[in-house]
Protein backbone atom coordinates (compact mmCIF):
# COMPACT_ATOMS: atom_id res chain seq x y z
CA MET A 1 27.84 79.21 253.67
CA LEU A 2 31.60 78.85 254.06
CA GLN A 3 33.72 81.84 255.03
CA LEU A 4 35.80 83.25 252.18
CA GLU A 5 39.59 83.33 252.32
CA VAL A 6 41.72 85.66 250.20
CA ARG A 7 45.40 84.97 249.70
CA GLU A 8 48.21 85.53 247.23
CA LEU A 9 48.39 82.65 244.77
CA GLU A 10 51.56 80.64 244.30
CA GLY A 11 53.00 79.11 241.16
CA ALA A 12 51.29 75.78 241.70
CA GLU A 13 47.92 77.56 241.67
CA LEU A 14 48.32 79.23 238.25
CA ARG A 15 46.44 76.42 236.51
CA ALA A 16 43.49 76.96 238.84
CA TRP A 17 43.71 80.69 238.14
CA ASP A 18 43.57 80.13 234.38
CA MET A 19 40.57 77.83 234.78
CA LEU A 20 38.83 80.55 236.79
CA VAL A 21 39.59 83.13 234.09
CA ALA A 22 38.38 80.84 231.29
CA GLY A 23 35.04 80.23 233.00
CA SER A 24 34.40 83.78 234.18
CA ALA A 25 32.37 86.35 232.26
CA GLN A 26 35.03 88.89 233.27
CA GLY A 27 37.99 86.77 232.18
CA THR A 28 39.99 87.82 229.11
CA VAL A 29 43.29 86.89 227.53
CA PHE A 30 44.74 89.81 229.52
CA HIS A 31 43.87 88.00 232.78
CA THR A 32 45.68 84.76 231.93
CA SER A 33 48.79 83.83 233.88
CA ASP A 34 50.89 83.68 230.70
CA TRP A 35 50.00 87.28 229.85
CA LEU A 36 50.32 88.66 233.36
CA VAL A 37 53.61 86.97 234.23
CA LYS A 38 55.29 87.86 230.93
CA ASN A 39 54.14 91.48 230.97
CA ALA A 40 55.26 91.96 234.57
CA SER A 41 58.69 90.44 233.92
CA LEU A 42 59.31 92.64 230.86
CA GLN A 43 58.59 95.73 232.98
CA SER A 44 60.49 94.49 236.04
CA GLN A 45 57.29 94.83 238.04
CA ASP A 46 56.12 92.68 240.90
CA LEU A 47 52.92 90.79 240.18
CA VAL A 48 50.44 89.58 242.78
CA LEU A 49 47.48 87.35 241.96
CA LEU A 50 44.88 87.57 244.69
CA GLY A 51 42.68 84.49 244.90
CA CYS A 52 39.39 84.23 246.76
CA TYR A 53 38.66 80.73 248.03
CA GLU A 54 35.46 79.22 249.35
CA GLY A 55 36.73 76.09 251.00
CA GLU A 56 38.97 74.42 248.41
CA GLU A 57 37.36 76.17 245.43
CA LEU A 58 38.87 79.26 243.80
CA ILE A 59 35.80 81.41 243.10
CA GLY A 60 37.29 84.83 242.40
CA GLY A 61 40.41 86.90 242.17
CA CYS A 62 42.19 90.01 240.98
CA PRO A 63 45.67 90.61 239.50
CA LEU A 64 47.79 93.49 240.78
CA TYR A 65 50.93 94.99 239.27
CA LEU A 66 52.93 96.64 242.05
CA SER A 67 55.25 99.63 241.84
CA ARG A 68 57.01 101.98 244.24
CA PRO A 69 57.85 105.31 242.55
CA TYR A 70 60.62 107.29 244.24
CA ASN A 71 60.80 104.38 246.69
CA LEU A 72 58.13 106.28 248.59
CA LEU A 73 54.62 105.42 247.44
CA ARG A 74 53.15 101.91 247.31
CA LEU A 75 50.97 101.65 244.21
CA ALA A 76 48.91 98.77 242.83
CA SER A 77 47.14 98.52 239.48
CA SER A 78 45.24 95.79 237.68
CA THR A 79 46.54 97.06 234.34
CA ALA A 80 49.93 97.95 232.89
CA ALA A 81 51.39 98.91 229.53
CA LEU A 82 49.93 96.75 226.74
CA THR A 83 47.27 95.42 229.15
CA PRO A 84 43.97 97.28 228.75
CA TYR A 85 41.95 95.24 231.23
CA GLY A 86 42.46 93.56 234.56
CA GLY A 87 40.30 93.77 237.63
CA VAL A 88 38.01 91.27 239.27
CA VAL A 89 37.07 87.85 237.91
CA VAL A 90 34.41 85.67 239.57
CA THR A 91 32.88 82.27 238.93
CA GLU A 92 29.50 82.00 237.28
CA ILE A 93 26.43 80.58 239.00
CA GLU A 94 24.37 78.89 236.32
CA ARG A 95 20.57 79.17 236.40
CA ALA A 96 20.67 81.32 239.55
CA LYS A 97 18.23 84.15 240.10
CA GLN A 98 19.40 87.75 240.14
CA ARG A 99 19.56 88.18 243.93
CA ARG A 100 21.76 85.12 244.36
CA LYS A 101 24.05 86.24 241.55
CA GLU A 102 24.48 89.67 243.14
CA VAL A 103 25.16 88.20 246.58
CA HIS A 104 27.77 85.88 245.08
CA VAL A 105 29.64 88.67 243.27
CA ASN A 106 29.38 91.13 246.15
CA ARG A 107 30.76 88.61 248.68
CA ILE A 108 33.81 87.99 246.52
CA ILE A 109 34.49 91.66 245.83
CA ALA A 110 34.01 92.55 249.51
CA ALA A 111 36.52 89.87 250.54
CA LEU A 112 39.05 91.05 247.96
CA LEU A 113 38.69 94.70 248.98
CA GLU A 114 39.08 93.84 252.65
CA TYR A 115 42.33 92.04 251.87
CA ILE A 116 43.58 94.89 249.65
CA ALA A 117 42.83 97.37 252.46
CA GLN A 118 45.04 95.34 254.82
CA LEU A 119 47.96 95.75 252.37
CA GLU A 120 47.78 99.55 252.88
CA PHE A 121 48.61 100.65 249.36
CA ASP A 122 48.74 104.41 248.88
CA TYR A 123 46.86 104.11 245.59
CA VAL A 124 44.98 101.24 243.96
CA ASN A 125 43.58 101.41 240.44
CA LEU A 126 41.45 98.63 238.97
CA VAL A 127 40.25 98.71 235.36
CA ASN A 128 37.69 95.94 235.03
CA SER A 129 36.81 94.21 231.78
CA PRO A 130 33.42 94.84 230.11
CA GLY A 131 32.23 91.58 231.67
CA LEU A 132 31.91 93.25 235.09
CA THR A 133 28.74 95.29 234.72
CA ASP A 134 28.06 96.11 238.38
CA ILE A 135 30.58 98.05 240.50
CA ARG A 136 28.28 98.97 243.39
CA ALA A 137 30.28 96.71 245.71
CA PHE A 138 33.20 99.12 245.16
CA THR A 139 31.38 102.45 245.32
CA ARG A 140 29.51 101.48 248.50
CA ARG A 141 32.92 101.07 250.13
CA GLY A 142 34.19 104.48 249.09
CA TRP A 143 36.00 103.61 245.87
CA ASN A 144 35.85 106.21 243.09
CA PRO A 145 34.20 105.06 239.83
CA VAL A 146 35.41 105.81 236.30
CA VAL A 147 33.51 104.95 233.12
CA TYR A 148 35.40 103.90 229.99
CA TYR A 149 34.15 102.79 226.59
CA THR A 150 35.05 100.19 224.02
CA TYR A 151 33.54 99.03 220.73
CA ILE A 152 32.50 95.43 220.13
CA LEU A 153 31.79 94.29 216.59
CA PRO A 154 29.69 91.14 215.99
CA LEU A 155 31.17 89.09 213.17
CA HIS A 156 28.05 87.36 211.88
CA ASP A 157 27.22 89.80 209.04
CA ASP A 158 28.90 90.71 205.76
CA ILE A 159 31.51 93.19 207.05
CA PHE A 160 31.67 95.22 203.83
CA LYS A 161 27.91 95.73 203.68
CA THR A 162 27.55 96.94 207.27
CA VAL A 163 30.34 99.56 207.34
CA SER A 164 29.74 103.23 206.63
CA LYS A 165 29.95 104.68 203.13
CA ASP A 166 33.32 106.40 203.69
CA VAL A 167 34.86 103.16 204.99
CA ARG A 168 33.70 101.32 201.86
CA GLN A 169 35.20 104.09 199.73
CA ASN A 170 38.52 103.82 201.57
CA ILE A 171 38.61 100.05 201.15
CA ARG A 172 37.97 100.38 197.41
CA LYS A 173 40.58 103.15 197.16
CA ALA A 174 43.22 100.95 198.77
CA GLN A 175 42.35 98.03 196.52
CA LYS A 176 42.58 100.20 193.38
CA GLN A 177 46.07 101.31 194.47
CA GLY A 178 47.19 97.71 194.70
CA ILE A 179 47.31 97.60 198.51
CA SER A 180 46.69 94.18 200.01
CA SER A 181 47.01 92.52 203.39
CA THR A 182 48.36 89.23 204.66
CA ARG A 183 49.11 87.54 207.96
CA LYS A 184 52.76 88.13 208.79
CA PHE A 185 54.35 88.00 212.24
CA ASP A 186 57.26 90.45 212.17
CA PRO A 187 58.03 92.45 215.36
CA GLY A 188 60.54 94.64 213.47
CA ILE A 189 57.88 95.86 211.05
CA PHE A 190 55.44 96.58 213.84
CA TRP A 191 57.99 98.46 215.93
CA ASP A 192 59.01 100.63 212.97
CA LEU A 193 55.38 101.53 212.23
CA MET A 194 54.69 102.20 215.92
CA VAL A 195 57.64 104.57 216.20
CA ARG A 196 56.54 106.46 213.11
CA THR A 197 52.93 106.62 214.31
CA PHE A 198 53.91 108.26 217.60
CA GLU A 199 56.54 110.51 216.01
CA LYS A 200 53.79 111.98 213.83
CA GLN A 201 51.91 112.84 217.04
CA GLY A 202 55.03 114.34 218.59
CA LYS A 203 55.20 111.58 221.21
CA GLN A 204 57.46 108.76 222.26
CA THR A 205 56.25 105.17 222.10
CA PRO A 206 54.52 104.10 225.33
CA VAL A 207 56.64 100.92 225.52
CA SER A 208 60.20 99.90 224.67
CA GLU A 209 61.12 97.78 221.66
CA ARG A 210 62.20 95.01 224.04
CA HIS A 211 58.84 95.06 225.80
CA LEU A 212 56.85 94.96 222.57
CA ALA A 213 59.01 92.22 221.05
CA GLY A 214 58.75 90.15 224.20
CA MET A 215 54.97 90.30 224.25
CA LEU A 216 54.74 89.55 220.52
CA ALA A 217 57.00 86.53 221.00
CA MET A 218 54.76 85.25 223.80
CA ILE A 219 51.61 85.82 221.72
CA GLN A 220 53.10 83.82 218.84
CA GLU A 221 54.49 81.07 221.07
CA LYS A 222 51.20 80.54 222.93
CA GLY A 223 49.08 80.78 219.78
CA ILE A 224 46.84 83.47 221.24
CA GLY A 225 47.02 86.00 218.43
CA GLU A 226 48.29 87.06 215.04
CA MET A 227 49.74 90.01 213.18
CA ARG A 228 48.47 91.21 209.81
CA VAL A 229 50.18 93.77 207.59
CA ALA A 230 48.95 95.87 204.69
CA SER A 231 51.52 96.61 201.99
CA THR A 232 51.66 98.44 198.68
CA SER A 233 52.23 96.74 195.34
CA SER A 234 55.91 97.76 195.61
CA GLY A 235 56.25 96.09 199.01
CA GLU A 236 56.15 99.14 201.29
CA MET A 237 54.57 98.52 204.70
CA ALA A 238 51.51 100.73 205.02
CA ALA A 239 49.88 99.47 208.23
CA ALA A 240 49.92 96.61 210.72
CA GLU A 241 47.61 95.27 213.39
CA VAL A 242 48.02 92.69 216.15
CA THR A 243 44.93 90.79 217.22
CA VAL A 244 44.80 88.56 220.29
CA TRP A 245 42.01 86.27 221.41
CA ASP A 246 40.49 84.13 224.11
CA ALA A 247 37.61 81.67 224.06
CA LYS A 248 35.03 84.48 224.18
CA MET A 249 36.18 86.85 221.43
CA ALA A 250 39.06 88.45 219.59
CA HIS A 251 40.63 91.73 220.75
CA SER A 252 42.23 94.39 218.57
CA TRP A 253 45.34 94.78 220.71
CA SER A 254 47.57 97.24 218.88
CA ALA A 255 47.79 98.90 215.47
CA ALA A 256 50.13 101.28 213.68
CA ALA A 257 50.40 102.89 210.25
CA ALA A 258 52.95 104.66 208.10
CA PRO A 259 51.97 108.37 208.10
CA GLU A 260 52.51 108.75 204.35
CA HIS A 261 50.02 105.96 203.66
CA LEU A 262 47.19 107.24 205.87
CA PRO A 263 45.35 108.80 202.88
CA THR A 264 45.46 105.55 200.90
CA GLY A 265 42.76 103.72 202.85
CA ALA A 266 45.24 101.01 203.89
CA ALA A 267 44.09 101.08 207.52
CA SER A 268 40.44 100.55 206.54
CA LEU A 269 41.39 97.69 204.22
CA LEU A 270 43.50 96.10 206.95
CA CYS A 271 40.64 96.21 209.44
CA HIS A 272 38.17 94.81 206.91
CA ASP A 273 40.46 91.92 206.02
CA THR A 274 41.21 91.20 209.69
CA PHE A 275 37.53 91.09 210.64
CA THR A 276 36.61 88.98 207.62
CA SER A 277 39.39 86.49 208.31
CA LEU A 278 38.35 86.16 211.96
CA LYS A 279 34.73 85.62 210.95
CA GLU A 280 35.72 82.88 208.49
CA ARG A 281 37.59 81.10 211.29
CA GLY A 282 34.58 81.06 213.59
CA PHE A 283 35.09 84.09 215.84
CA SER A 284 31.75 85.61 216.82
CA ALA A 285 32.94 89.08 217.85
CA ILE A 286 35.96 91.35 218.18
CA ASN A 287 36.62 93.94 220.85
CA LEU A 288 37.93 96.95 218.93
CA MET A 289 39.00 99.04 221.94
CA ALA A 290 39.44 102.68 220.81
CA GLY A 291 36.37 104.04 222.58
CA ASN A 292 38.24 106.54 224.77
CA LEU A 293 40.23 108.49 222.17
CA PRO A 294 38.17 110.76 219.90
CA HIS A 295 40.26 110.35 216.72
CA LEU A 296 40.25 106.55 217.04
CA SER A 297 36.54 106.48 217.89
CA THR A 298 35.77 108.40 214.71
CA PHE A 299 37.65 105.81 212.65
CA ILE A 300 36.43 102.66 214.41
CA SER A 301 32.77 103.70 214.64
CA GLY A 302 32.69 103.63 210.83
CA PHE A 303 32.68 99.82 211.02
CA ASN A 304 29.30 99.98 212.83
CA PRO A 305 30.24 98.29 216.12
CA GLY A 306 28.31 98.51 219.37
CA LEU A 307 29.50 100.95 222.05
CA VAL A 308 30.02 99.16 225.38
CA PRO A 309 30.93 100.73 228.75
CA TYR A 310 33.40 99.23 231.17
CA TYR A 311 34.33 100.42 234.62
CA GLY A 312 37.37 101.39 236.56
CA VAL A 313 37.61 102.13 240.27
CA ASP A 314 40.36 103.61 242.39
CA HIS A 315 41.11 104.18 246.03
CA THR A 316 43.63 106.60 247.54
CA ARG A 317 45.16 107.13 250.94
CA LEU A 318 46.06 110.48 252.49
CA ARG A 319 49.77 110.35 251.63
CA TYR A 320 49.03 109.87 247.93
CA ARG A 321 46.56 112.77 247.91
CA ILE A 322 49.04 115.08 249.62
CA LEU A 323 51.88 114.21 247.23
CA LYS A 324 49.53 114.53 244.27
CA ARG A 325 48.61 118.08 245.30
CA LEU A 326 52.25 119.00 245.81
CA ARG A 327 53.26 117.60 242.43
CA GLU A 328 50.35 119.20 240.60
CA SER A 329 51.30 122.57 242.10
CA ARG A 330 54.66 122.22 240.31
CA TYR A 331 53.60 120.12 237.30
CA PRO A 332 49.87 120.63 236.63
CA GLY A 333 48.11 117.43 235.53
CA SER A 334 50.89 115.05 236.59
CA PRO A 335 50.08 112.19 239.00
CA PRO A 336 52.62 111.47 241.76
CA GLY A 337 53.34 108.00 240.36
């Protein structure tokens, strides 16, 4: 058995990285080099792709977005704004028995964690995709576990027949009011609806217009997603949703709605039409996200998806913990970063 080597990947190795992501059960569109590089550049963040090699073969890795708040702390995270998942990806061993599979994954994670420890970050946060179902290699080394939830909807049934009664009523209500949906890629429409969505909640948008527009442009250019809008018979924009995809499934990436049209059922109609369209084009499932926010869970669960856990882990050093306590004494609930 060859010794594993972990190193930071260079530009010439991005193709190998994308091949690893495509063949890994943990790999998603959010792990691809196109997504990671574009998202990091739009946030002026440094990006590091850690690759784990066995001889000449890239068998695992982990992306890290780096930041240095107050020019004091050194933080690393596998996720960033508009990127729900990151974390570890590993190659698959076909037809292997369970013990061999576990040894394979654990060796890769152990090598990655050893390398990360040498970098001496004050805080590291990894949010793994649902494809990583075993995080014991982290917890055995003192990392703190966090459980998150998402919803995954199989797209092999008649969508309208499998949703809850109130969702069917909302879809019919929207149709009776002349609301319809169509595929339409328009960043301006989406930004306007996003601003209004967060204003209704008394919040600012979590990203800038430039950031959102840049990611939408990349999604359209690379052909890895689409935008669909629901509009009234008079042409008013009622709701919009952006869906992205990889070879495994589609992902409901971001959605927004005009507050005045929330009672119309436009959002339910938009989801129904999106799911039906994806099914007709051969997608087998869609990751609906939304499992960690109660108001979104209430809405999404009406489409009868399956609830799926996914796992985060984090590791802190003493300086981070001290600064966190000091900050929380002044601003309760606020992390130092």
